[in-house]
């Protein structure tokens, strides 16, 4: 049975995952690793409480990228749909508004500046709505639907491309965004999963605490990868929903083989109670993965284990 969990950018200095057919750079090749860039986009947040929650998550995401994963501060851009308020972090107070026009301009700049040896992460959070055909990211002014969003990043040449779309109905972004050499993560399936997602907030919490976190090397390969980070976030949320006795209304997916279909790659790492198929007192099965979703995400290295 497919996992039905609840839920809902980046490499360490020295390790970069590359697109198919190109070898991965090591710490000794840092000078050829290229520039790491990230774009964090949050649309309209809602009421004051949600503004505070999203603003704090954006700050954690930025701190995680810069402090934990060695992004240069000047290479992490933030767009926020709300006007800043007293108490917002500097990353929010200095952010441009997340309008359609501003997003188009930032995406165009990314395409123009990015070289084949560079890396690009795009993280999207906020709210969305589904009209029966398209998922629309809710922005100040005109909203943006999935195909239009994907078109903004056509022709991106970065050898590492990671898109993390954490809004409700985000599963609809997988098909238009999917491409060879690209990891696409969504908080939901392509379905009527319109409730608010918890994925972005848990993702920000885990990412910002990556340096001191333990037991993140879920596949026991001696390093923490994007695959491990994704599964950890989903597992934490599954356990949280289980303990609160709440029905899961969002189901995270990962696509990195370019076929336009997301997979619940977390299923072998979650217990039956959490919605997976891991049996009590049995080790996690570790089949050798040579194709399919999850292979590329495993090469996006975030942290070496001691």
C-alpha atoms as a PDB file:
ATOM      1  CA  UNK A   1       0.000   0.000   0.000  1.00  0.00           C
ATOM      2  CA  UNK A   2       1.355   3.423  -0.896  1.00  0.00           C
ATOM      3  CA  UNK A   3       2.484   5.506   2.034  1.00  0.00           C
ATOM      4  CA  UNK A   4      -0.118   7.988   3.195  1.00  0.00           C
ATOM      5  CA  UNK A   5       1.658  10.213   5.636  1.00  0.00           C
ATOM      6  CA  UNK A   6       1.013  13.686   6.752  1.00  0.00           C
ATOM      7  CA  UNK A   7       2.976  16.517   6.168  1.00  0.00           C
ATOM      8  CA  UNK A   8       4.819  19.921   4.540  1.00  0.00           C
ATOM      9  CA  UNK A   9      18.316  25.176  -1.035  1.00  0.00           C
ATOM     10  CA  UNK A  10      21.929  23.254  -1.175  1.00  0.00           C
ATOM     11  CA  UNK A  11      24.961  21.219  -0.764  1.00  0.00           C
ATOM     12  CA  UNK A  12      27.868  21.360   1.643  1.00  0.00           C
ATOM     13  CA  UNK A  13      31.022  23.098   0.581  1.00  0.00           C
ATOM     14  CA  UNK A  14      32.989  20.512  -1.238  1.00  0.00           C
ATOM     15  CA  UNK A  15      30.287  18.099  -2.433  1.00  0.00           C
ATOM     16  CA  UNK A  16      27.989  18.679  -5.369  1.00  0.00           C
ATOM     17  CA  UNK A  17      25.629  16.339  -7.100  1.00  0.00           C
ATOM     18  CA  UNK A  18      25.636  16.570 -10.854  1.00  0.00           C
ATOM     19  CA  UNK A  19      23.305  15.705 -13.635  1.00  0.00           C
ATOM     20  CA  UNK A  20      23.391  12.244 -15.149  1.00  0.00           C
ATOM     21  CA  UNK A  21      26.612  11.282 -16.854  1.00  0.00           C
ATOM     22  CA  UNK A  22      28.834  13.868 -15.117  1.00  0.00           C
ATOM     23  CA  UNK A  23      31.087  12.940 -12.148  1.00  0.00           C
ATOM     24  CA  UNK A  24      30.523  14.531  -8.758  1.00  0.00           C
ATOM     25  CA  UNK A  25      33.009  17.060  -7.409  1.00  0.00           C
ATOM     26  CA  UNK A  26      34.731  16.360  -4.097  1.00  0.00           C
ATOM     27  CA  UNK A  27      36.143  18.690  -1.453  1.00  0.00           C
ATOM     28  CA  UNK A  28      39.415  18.815  -3.396  1.00  0.00           C
ATOM     29  CA  UNK A  29      37.523  20.179  -6.394  1.00  0.00           C
ATOM     30  CA  UNK A  30      35.877  23.074  -4.556  1.00  0.00           C
ATOM     31  CA  UNK A  31      37.203  25.605  -7.042  1.00  0.00           C
ATOM     32  CA  UNK A  32      35.284  23.895  -9.855  1.00  0.00           C
ATOM     33  CA  UNK A  33      32.091  23.383  -7.887  1.00  0.00           C
ATOM     34  CA  UNK A  34      30.556  26.611  -9.116  1.00  0.00           C
ATOM     35  CA  UNK A  35      28.281  29.034  -7.286  1.00  0.00           C
ATOM     36  CA  UNK A  36      25.408  27.920  -5.083  1.00  0.00           C
ATOM     37  CA  UNK A  37      22.307  30.086  -5.409  1.00  0.00           C
ATOM     38  CA  UNK A  38      18.888  29.871  -3.782  1.00  0.00           C
ATOM     39  CA  UNK A  39      15.580  31.622  -4.253  1.00  0.00           C
ATOM     40  CA  UNK A  40      13.039  31.439  -1.411  1.00  0.00           C
ATOM     41  CA  UNK A  41       9.538  32.501  -2.441  1.00  0.00           C
ATOM     42  CA  UNK A  42       6.595  32.898  -0.079  1.00  0.00           C
ATOM     43  CA  UNK A  43       3.300  34.244  -1.332  1.00  0.00           C
ATOM     44  CA  UNK A  44       0.632  35.864   0.806  1.00  0.00           C
ATOM     45  CA  UNK A  45       0.714  34.415   4.320  1.00  0.00           C
ATOM     46  CA  UNK A  46      -2.725  35.240   5.680  1.00  0.00           C
ATOM     47  CA  UNK A  47      -3.462  36.567   9.167  1.00  0.00           C
ATOM     48  CA  UNK A  48      -0.963  37.919  11.686  1.00  0.00           C
ATOM     49  CA  UNK A  49      -0.320  34.509  13.237  1.00  0.00           C
ATOM     50  CA  UNK A  50       0.468  32.936   9.880  1.00  0.00           C
ATOM     51  CA  UNK A  51       2.614  35.914   8.908  1.00  0.00           C
ATOM     52  CA  UNK A  52       4.724  35.280  11.989  1.00  0.00           C
ATOM     53  CA  UNK A  53       4.945  31.532  11.308  1.00  0.00           C
ATOM     54  CA  UNK A  54       5.956  31.905   7.672  1.00  0.00           C
ATOM     55  CA  UNK A  55       8.388  34.723   8.446  1.00  0.00           C
ATOM     56  CA  UNK A  56      10.111  32.565  11.063  1.00  0.00           C
ATOM     57  CA  UNK A  57      10.291  29.607   8.673  1.00  0.00           C
ATOM     58  CA  UNK A  58      11.812  31.764   5.930  1.00  0.00           C
ATOM     59  CA  UNK A  59      14.443  32.980   8.396  1.00  0.00           C
ATOM     60  CA  UNK A  60      15.241  29.360   9.347  1.00  0.00           C
ATOM     61  CA  UNK A  61      15.520  28.343   5.721  1.00  0.00           C
ATOM     62  CA  UNK A  62      17.887  31.200   4.962  1.00  0.00           C
ATOM     63  CA  UNK A  63      19.945  30.540   8.082  1.00  0.00           C
ATOM     64  CA  UNK A  64      20.139  26.864   7.159  1.00  0.00           C
ATOM     65  CA  UNK A  65      21.334  27.585   3.654  1.00  0.00           C
ATOM     66  CA  UNK A  66      23.915  30.143   4.741  1.00  0.00           C
ATOM     67  CA  UNK A  67      24.974  28.854   8.149  1.00  0.00           C
ATOM     68  CA  UNK A  68      24.706  25.102   7.646  1.00  0.00           C
ATOM     69  CA  UNK A  69      25.173  24.573   3.924  1.00  0.00           C
ATOM     70  CA  UNK A  70      27.722  27.242   3.045  1.00  0.00           C
ATOM     71  CA  UNK A  71      25.668  29.385   0.673  1.00  0.00           C
ATOM     72  CA  UNK A  72      26.971  32.941   0.406  1.00  0.00           C
ATOM     73  CA  UNK A  73      24.466  35.293   2.018  1.00  0.00           C
ATOM     74  CA  UNK A  74      24.364  37.406  -1.136  1.00  0.00           C
ATOM     75  CA  UNK A  75      23.382  34.346  -3.181  1.00  0.00           C
ATOM     76  CA  UNK A  76      20.221  33.583  -1.176  1.00  0.00           C
ATOM     77  CA  UNK A  77      17.333  35.757  -2.355  1.00  0.00           C
ATOM     78  CA  UNK A  78      14.020  36.052  -0.536  1.00  0.00           C
ATOM     79  CA  UNK A  79      10.651  37.148  -1.899  1.00  0.00           C
ATOM     80  CA  UNK A  80       7.786  37.566   0.593  1.00  0.00           C
ATOM     81  CA  UNK A  81       4.198  38.405  -0.261  1.00  0.00           C
ATOM     82  CA  UNK A  82       3.530  40.456   2.853  1.00  0.00           C
ATOM     83  CA  UNK A  83       4.776  43.843   3.894  1.00  0.00           C
ATOM     84  CA  UNK A  84       7.213  43.493   6.818  1.00  0.00           C
ATOM     85  CA  UNK A  85       6.009  44.193  10.352  1.00  0.00           C
ATOM     86  CA  UNK A  86       7.727  44.922  13.648  1.00  0.00           C
ATOM     87  CA  UNK A  87       9.542  41.851  14.915  1.00  0.00           C
ATOM     88  CA  UNK A  88      10.325  40.356  11.504  1.00  0.00           C
ATOM     89  CA  UNK A  89      13.877  39.114  10.958  1.00  0.00           C
ATOM     90  CA  UNK A  90      16.249  41.075   8.727  1.00  0.00           C
ATOM     91  CA  UNK A  91      15.724  38.534   5.927  1.00  0.00           C
ATOM     92  CA  UNK A  92      12.037  39.470   5.868  1.00  0.00           C
ATOM     93  CA  UNK A  93      12.485  43.202   6.331  1.00  0.00           C
ATOM     94  CA  UNK A  94      14.857  43.359   3.358  1.00  0.00           C
ATOM     95  CA  UNK A  95      12.874  41.005   1.122  1.00  0.00           C
ATOM     96  CA  UNK A  96      11.215  42.199  -2.073  1.00  0.00           C
ATOM     97  CA  UNK A  97       7.487  41.596  -2.492  1.00  0.00           C
ATOM     98  CA  UNK A  98       6.662  38.235  -4.042  1.00  0.00           C
ATOM     99  CA  UNK A  99       4.647  39.576  -6.955  1.00  0.00           C
ATOM    100  CA  UNK A 100       4.350  37.761 -10.258  1.00  0.00           C
ATOM    101  CA  UNK A 101       6.484  40.415 -11.943  1.00  0.00           C
ATOM    102  CA  UNK A 102       9.228  40.244  -9.299  1.00  0.00           C
ATOM    103  CA  UNK A 103       9.318  36.443  -9.450  1.00  0.00           C
ATOM    104  CA  UNK A 104       9.595  36.549 -13.232  1.00  0.00           C
ATOM    105  CA  UNK A 105      12.489  39.015 -12.981  1.00  0.00           C
ATOM    106  CA  UNK A 106      14.375  36.956 -10.362  1.00  0.00           C
ATOM    107  CA  UNK A 107      13.915  33.745 -12.356  1.00  0.00           C
ATOM    108  CA  UNK A 108      15.182  35.467 -15.518  1.00  0.00           C
ATOM    109  CA  UNK A 109      18.218  36.740 -13.608  1.00  0.00           C
ATOM    110  CA  UNK A 110      18.930  33.236 -12.294  1.00  0.00           C
ATOM    111  CA  UNK A 111      18.797  31.778 -15.803  1.00  0.00           C
ATOM    112  CA  UNK A 112      21.111  34.460 -17.165  1.00  0.00           C
ATOM    113  CA  UNK A 113      23.686  34.270 -14.355  1.00  0.00           C
ATOM    114  CA  UNK A 114      23.798  30.526 -13.837  1.00  0.00           C
ATOM    115  CA  UNK A 115      26.578  28.523 -15.463  1.00  0.00           C
ATOM    116  CA  UNK A 116      26.574  24.751 -16.082  1.00  0.00           C
ATOM    117  CA  UNK A 117      28.822  24.150 -13.063  1.00  0.00           C
ATOM    118  CA  UNK A 118      26.555  26.105 -10.681  1.00  0.00           C
ATOM    119  CA  UNK A 119      23.717  24.942  -8.458  1.00  0.00           C
ATOM    120  CA  UNK A 120      20.252  26.391  -7.964  1.00  0.00           C
ATOM    121  CA  UNK A 121      17.698  25.686  -5.256  1.00  0.00           C
ATOM    122  CA  UNK A 122      14.180  27.130  -5.371  1.00  0.00           C
ATOM    123  CA  UNK A 123      11.986  26.820  -2.273  1.00  0.00           C
ATOM    124  CA  UNK A 124       8.328  27.871  -2.473  1.00  0.00           C
ATOM    125  CA  UNK A 125       5.964  28.234   0.465  1.00  0.00           C
ATOM    126  CA  UNK A 126       2.712  29.947   1.283  1.00  0.00           C
ATOM    127  CA  UNK A 127      -0.827  29.234   0.109  1.00  0.00           C
ATOM    128  CA  UNK A 128      -2.385  28.052  -3.133  1.00  0.00           C
ATOM    129  CA  UNK A 129      -5.744  27.138  -4.592  1.00  0.00           C
ATOM    130  CA  UNK A 130      -6.850  24.474  -7.064  1.00  0.00           C
ATOM    131  CA  UNK A 131      -9.497  25.262  -9.669  1.00  0.00           C
ATOM    132  CA  UNK A 132     -10.019  21.694 -10.870  1.00  0.00           C
ATOM    133  CA  UNK A 133      -7.304  21.928 -13.518  1.00  0.00           C
ATOM    134  CA  UNK A 134      -4.432  24.054 -12.193  1.00  0.00           C
ATOM    135  CA  UNK A 135      -2.728  24.757  -8.878  1.00  0.00           C
ATOM    136  CA  UNK A 136      -2.269  28.502  -8.382  1.00  0.00           C
ATOM    137  CA  UNK A 137       0.357  30.053  -6.109  1.00  0.00           C
ATOM    138  CA  UNK A 138      -1.352  32.892  -4.230  1.00  0.00           C
ATOM    139  CA  UNK A 139       0.626  36.103  -4.702  1.00  0.00           C
ATOM    140  CA  UNK A 140      -0.028  39.809  -4.166  1.00  0.00           C
ATOM    141  CA  UNK A 141      -1.658  40.755  -7.446  1.00  0.00           C
ATOM    142  CA  UNK A 142      -2.084  38.122 -10.182  1.00  0.00           C
ATOM    143  CA  UNK A 143      -1.528  34.522  -9.060  1.00  0.00           C
ATOM    144  CA  UNK A 144       0.730  32.087 -10.909  1.00  0.00           C
ATOM    145  CA  UNK A 145      -0.226  28.566 -11.967  1.00  0.00           C
ATOM    146  CA  UNK A 146       1.993  25.505 -12.166  1.00  0.00           C
ATOM    147  CA  UNK A 147       2.854  25.518 -15.881  1.00  0.00           C
ATOM    148  CA  UNK A 148       3.605  29.246 -15.856  1.00  0.00           C
ATOM    149  CA  UNK A 149       5.871  28.790 -12.846  1.00  0.00           C
ATOM    150  CA  UNK A 150       7.771  25.935 -14.499  1.00  0.00           C
ATOM    151  CA  UNK A 151       8.225  27.959 -17.685  1.00  0.00           C
ATOM    152  CA  UNK A 152      10.131  30.586 -15.698  1.00  0.00           C
ATOM    153  CA  UNK A 153      12.944  28.085 -15.188  1.00  0.00           C
ATOM    154  CA  UNK A 154      13.092  26.566 -18.661  1.00  0.00           C
ATOM    155  CA  UNK A 155      16.634  26.516 -19.985  1.00  0.00           C
ATOM    156  CA  UNK A 156      18.233  26.554 -16.544  1.00  0.00           C
ATOM    157  CA  UNK A 157      21.687  25.048 -17.053  1.00  0.00           C
ATOM    158  CA  UNK A 158      22.787  24.401 -13.447  1.00  0.00           C
ATOM    159  CA  UNK A 159      24.164  20.908 -12.920  1.00  0.00           C
ATOM    160  CA  UNK A 160      22.366  20.757  -9.560  1.00  0.00           C
ATOM    161  CA  UNK A 161      18.732  21.813  -9.593  1.00  0.00           C
ATOM    162  CA  UNK A 162      16.454  21.352  -6.593  1.00  0.00           C
ATOM    163  CA  UNK A 163      12.857  22.590  -6.437  1.00  0.00           C
ATOM    164  CA  UNK A 164      10.975  22.260  -3.142  1.00  0.00           C
ATOM    165  CA  UNK A 165       7.327  23.284  -3.526  1.00  0.00           C
ATOM    166  CA  UNK A 166       5.594  23.152  -0.147  1.00  0.00           C
ATOM    167  CA  UNK A 167       2.200  24.719  -0.775  1.00  0.00           C
ATOM    168  CA  UNK A 168      -1.161  22.952  -0.739  1.00  0.00           C
ATOM    169  CA  UNK A 169      -1.895  21.199  -4.081  1.00  0.00           C
ATOM    170  CA  UNK A 170       1.835  21.389  -4.814  1.00  0.00           C
ATOM    171  CA  UNK A 171       1.855  17.907  -6.350  1.00  0.00           C
ATOM    172  CA  UNK A 172       0.567  19.443  -9.572  1.00  0.00           C
ATOM    173  CA  UNK A 173       3.914  21.230  -9.989  1.00  0.00           C
ATOM    174  CA  UNK A 174       5.820  17.963 -10.457  1.00  0.00           C
ATOM    175  CA  UNK A 175       4.864  17.234 -14.048  1.00  0.00           C
ATOM    176  CA  UNK A 176       5.719  20.646 -15.540  1.00  0.00           C
ATOM    177  CA  UNK A 177       8.880  21.063 -13.430  1.00  0.00           C
ATOM    178  CA  UNK A 178      10.253  17.550 -13.927  1.00  0.00           C
ATOM    179  CA  UNK A 179      13.500  17.303 -15.907  1.00  0.00           C
ATOM    180  CA  UNK A 180      16.565  15.126 -16.135  1.00  0.00           C
ATOM    181  CA  UNK A 181      19.125  16.148 -13.540  1.00  0.00           C
ATOM    182  CA  UNK A 182      16.524  17.929 -11.390  1.00  0.00           C
ATOM    183  CA  UNK A 183      15.078  17.016  -7.987  1.00  0.00           C
ATOM    184  CA  UNK A 184      11.483  18.089  -7.411  1.00  0.00           C
ATOM    185  CA  UNK A 185       9.941  17.716  -3.946  1.00  0.00           C
ATOM    186  CA  UNK A 186       6.335  18.581  -3.150  1.00  0.00           C
ATOM    187  CA  UNK A 187       4.371  18.594   0.083  1.00  0.00           C
ATOM    188  CA  UNK A 188       1.284  17.007  -1.476  1.00  0.00           C
ATOM    189  CA  UNK A 189       0.134  14.673  -4.195  1.00  0.00           C
ATOM    190  CA  UNK A 190      -1.510  15.893  -7.383  1.00  0.00           C
ATOM    191  CA  UNK A 191      -4.940  15.697  -5.806  1.00  0.00           C
ATOM    192  CA  UNK A 192      -7.479  17.764  -3.885  1.00  0.00           C
ATOM    193  CA  UNK A 193      -5.075  18.252  -0.982  1.00  0.00           C
ATOM    194  CA  UNK A 194      -5.976  21.852  -0.298  1.00  0.00           C
ATOM    195  CA  UNK A 195      -5.367  22.090   3.459  1.00  0.00           C
ATOM    196  CA  UNK A 196      -2.457  24.076   4.832  1.00  0.00           C
ATOM    197  CA  UNK A 197       0.767  22.092   4.820  1.00  0.00           C
ATOM    198  CA  UNK A 198       3.130  21.618   7.740  1.00  0.00           C
ATOM    199  CA  UNK A 199       5.992  20.465   5.520  1.00  0.00           C
ATOM    200  CA  UNK A 200       7.715  23.865   5.052  1.00  0.00           C
ATOM    201  CA  UNK A 201       7.928  24.580   8.763  1.00  0.00           C
ATOM    202  CA  UNK A 202       9.342  21.158   9.640  1.00  0.00           C
ATOM    203  CA  UNK A 203      11.736  21.367   6.698  1.00  0.00           C
ATOM    204  CA  UNK A 204      13.022  24.721   7.941  1.00  0.00           C
ATOM    205  CA  UNK A 205      13.415  23.406  11.476  1.00  0.00           C
ATOM    206  CA  UNK A 206      15.396  20.323  10.412  1.00  0.00           C
ATOM    207  CA  UNK A 207      17.533  22.209   7.893  1.00  0.00           C
ATOM    208  CA  UNK A 208      18.491  24.958  10.347  1.00  0.00           C
ATOM    209  CA  UNK A 209      19.543  22.350  12.926  1.00  0.00           C
ATOM    210  CA  UNK A 210      21.402  20.113  10.516  1.00  0.00           C
ATOM    211  CA  UNK A 211      24.826  20.632  12.095  1.00  0.00           C
ATOM    212  CA  UNK A 212      23.851  19.267  15.501  1.00  0.00           C
ATOM    213  CA  UNK A 213      21.165  16.788  14.448  1.00  0.00           C
ATOM    214  CA  UNK A 214      21.737  13.074  15.021  1.00  0.00           C
ATOM    215  CA  UNK A 215      20.479   9.970  13.229  1.00  0.00           C
ATOM    216  CA  UNK A 216      19.968  11.768   9.920  1.00  0.00           C
ATOM    217  CA  UNK A 217      21.949   9.235   7.898  1.00  0.00           C
ATOM    218  CA  UNK A 218      18.899   7.084   7.327  1.00  0.00           C
ATOM    219  CA  UNK A 219      20.352   4.976   4.534  1.00  0.00           C
ATOM    220  CA  UNK A 220      23.635   4.442   6.456  1.00  0.00           C
ATOM    221  CA  UNK A 221      25.928   5.456   3.603  1.00  0.00           C
ATOM    222  CA  UNK A 222      28.155   7.661   5.744  1.00  0.00           C
ATOM    223  CA  UNK A 223      26.722  11.006   4.703  1.00  0.00           C
ATOM    224  CA  UNK A 224      23.557  13.051   4.981  1.00  0.00           C
ATOM    225  CA  UNK A 225      21.967  13.710   1.622  1.00  0.00           C
ATOM    226  CA  UNK A 226      18.892  15.527   0.376  1.00  0.00           C
ATOM    227  CA  UNK A 227      17.217  12.107   0.351  1.00  0.00           C
ATOM    228  CA  UNK A 228      17.895  11.731   4.094  1.00  0.00           C
ATOM    229  CA  UNK A 229      16.668  15.249   4.803  1.00  0.00           C
ATOM    230  CA  UNK A 230      13.442  14.684   2.880  1.00  0.00           C
ATOM    231  CA  UNK A 231      12.678  11.371   4.597  1.00  0.00           C
ATOM    232  CA  UNK A 232      13.503  12.802   8.023  1.00  0.00           C
ATOM    233  CA  UNK A 233      11.055  15.668   7.533  1.00  0.00           C
ATOM    234  CA  UNK A 234       8.299  13.355   6.324  1.00  0.00           C
ATOM    235  CA  UNK A 235       8.921  10.861   9.130  1.00  0.00           C
ATOM    236  CA  UNK A 236       8.841  13.569  11.791  1.00  0.00           C
ATOM    237  CA  UNK A 237       5.548  14.859  10.454  1.00  0.00           C
ATOM    238  CA  UNK A 238       4.051  11.379  10.189  1.00  0.00           C
ATOM    239  CA  UNK A 239       4.884  10.748  13.835  1.00  0.00           C
ATOM    240  CA  UNK A 240       3.500  14.138  14.838  1.00  0.00           C
ATOM    241  CA  UNK A 241       0.182  13.512  13.132  1.00  0.00           C
ATOM    242  CA  UNK A 242       0.043  10.031  14.637  1.00  0.00           C
ATOM    243  CA  UNK A 243       0.569  11.347  18.159  1.00  0.00           C
ATOM    244  CA  UNK A 244      -2.077  14.032  17.663  1.00  0.00           C
ATOM    245  CA  UNK A 245      -4.494  11.466  16.213  1.00  0.00           C
ATOM    246  CA  UNK A 246      -5.083  13.647  13.169  1.00  0.00           C
ATOM    247  CA  UNK A 247      -5.934  12.468   9.678  1.00  0.00           C
ATOM    248  CA  UNK A 248      -3.160  13.075   7.161  1.00  0.00           C
ATOM    249  CA  UNK A 249      -4.294  15.547   4.510  1.00  0.00           C
ATOM    250  CA  UNK A 250      -0.998  15.934   2.619  1.00  0.00           C
ATOM    251  CA  UNK A 251       1.366  13.349   1.174  1.00  0.00           C
ATOM    252  CA  UNK A 252       4.866  14.374   0.165  1.00  0.00           C
ATOM    253  CA  UNK A 253       6.374  13.211  -3.125  1.00  0.00           C
ATOM    254  CA  UNK A 254       9.830  13.221  -4.697  1.00  0.00           C
ATOM    255  CA  UNK A 255      10.641  13.090  -8.398  1.00  0.00           C
ATOM    256  CA  UNK A 256      14.238  13.070  -9.611  1.00  0.00           C
ATOM    257  CA  UNK A 257      14.284  10.724 -12.598  1.00  0.00           C
ATOM    258  CA  UNK A 258      12.643  13.176 -14.971  1.00  0.00           C
ATOM    259  CA  UNK A 259       9.527  11.130 -15.700  1.00  0.00           C
ATOM    260  CA  UNK A 260       7.098  13.696 -14.281  1.00  0.00           C
ATOM    261  CA  UNK A 261       5.704  11.341 -11.648  1.00  0.00           C
ATOM    262  CA  UNK A 262       6.452  11.707  -7.950  1.00  0.00           C
ATOM    263  CA  UNK A 263       7.084   8.747  -5.649  1.00  0.00           C
ATOM    264  CA  UNK A 264       6.669   8.221  -1.904  1.00  0.00           C
ATOM    265  CA  UNK A 265      10.281   7.103  -1.570  1.00  0.00           C
ATOM    266  CA  UNK A 266       9.896   7.312   2.210  1.00  0.00           C
ATOM    267  CA  UNK A 267       7.699   4.221   2.460  1.00  0.00           C
ATOM    268  CA  UNK A 268      10.509   1.844   3.502  1.00  0.00           C
ATOM    269  CA  UNK A 269      11.676   4.190   6.260  1.00  0.00           C
ATOM    270  CA  UNK A 270       8.354   4.649   8.077  1.00  0.00           C
ATOM    271  CA  UNK A 271       6.621   2.219  10.371  1.00  0.00           C
ATOM    272  CA  UNK A 272       3.254   0.740   9.538  1.00  0.00           C
ATOM    273  CA  UNK A 273       1.669   3.010  12.150  1.00  0.00           C
ATOM    274  CA  UNK A 274       3.274   5.999  10.436  1.00  0.00           C
ATOM    275  CA  UNK A 275       1.896   4.891   7.079  1.00  0.00           C
ATOM    276  CA  UNK A 276       4.919   2.995   5.751  1.00  0.00           C
ATOM    277  CA  UNK A 277       5.911  -0.648   5.668  1.00  0.00           C
ATOM    278  CA  UNK A 278       8.800  -0.820   8.138  1.00  0.00           C
ATOM    279  CA  UNK A 279       8.145  -3.665  10.574  1.00  0.00           C
ATOM    280  CA  UNK A 280       9.038  -3.373  14.287  1.00  0.00           C
ATOM    281  CA  UNK A 281      12.488  -4.698  15.269  1.00  0.00           C
ATOM    282  CA  UNK A 282      13.522  -5.070  11.650  1.00  0.00           C
ATOM    283  CA  UNK A 283      16.305  -3.040  10.056  1.00  0.00           C
ATOM    284  CA  UNK A 284      15.491  -0.673   7.219  1.00  0.00           C
ATOM    285  CA  UNK A 285      15.787  -2.516   3.924  1.00  0.00           C
ATOM    286  CA  UNK A 286      18.511  -0.982   1.768  1.00  0.00           C
ATOM    287  CA  UNK A 287      18.122  -2.179  -1.811  1.00  0.00           C
ATOM    288  CA  UNK A 288      20.742  -0.957  -4.235  1.00  0.00           C
ATOM    289  CA  UNK A 289      19.163   1.944  -6.119  1.00  0.00           C
ATOM    290  CA  UNK A 290      20.396   2.372  -9.665  1.00  0.00           C
ATOM    291  CA  UNK A 291      17.350   3.979 -11.249  1.00  0.00           C
ATOM    292  CA  UNK A 292      14.053   5.559 -10.317  1.00  0.00           C
ATOM    293  CA  UNK A 293      13.166   8.315  -7.896  1.00  0.00           C
ATOM    294  CA  UNK A 294      15.591   8.898  -5.039  1.00  0.00           C
ATOM    295  CA  UNK A 295      18.826   8.051  -6.856  1.00  0.00           C
ATOM    296  CA  UNK A 296      19.717  11.652  -7.725  1.00  0.00           C
ATOM    297  CA  UNK A 297      18.603  13.008  -4.334  1.00  0.00           C
ATOM    298  CA  UNK A 298      21.034  10.604  -2.659  1.00  0.00           C
ATOM    299  CA  UNK A 299      23.923  12.279  -4.489  1.00  0.00           C
ATOM    300  CA  UNK A 300      23.063  15.754  -3.175  1.00  0.00           C
ATOM    301  CA  UNK A 301      25.336  15.661  -0.155  1.00  0.00           C
ATOM    302  CA  UNK A 302      24.680  17.960   2.773  1.00  0.00           C
ATOM    303  CA  UNK A 303      26.871  16.686   5.588  1.00  0.00           C
ATOM    304  CA  UNK A 304      29.614  14.138   6.135  1.00  0.00           C
ATOM    305  CA  UNK A 305      29.158  11.803   9.085  1.00  0.00           C
ATOM    306  CA  UNK A 306      32.031  11.589  11.619  1.00  0.00           C
END
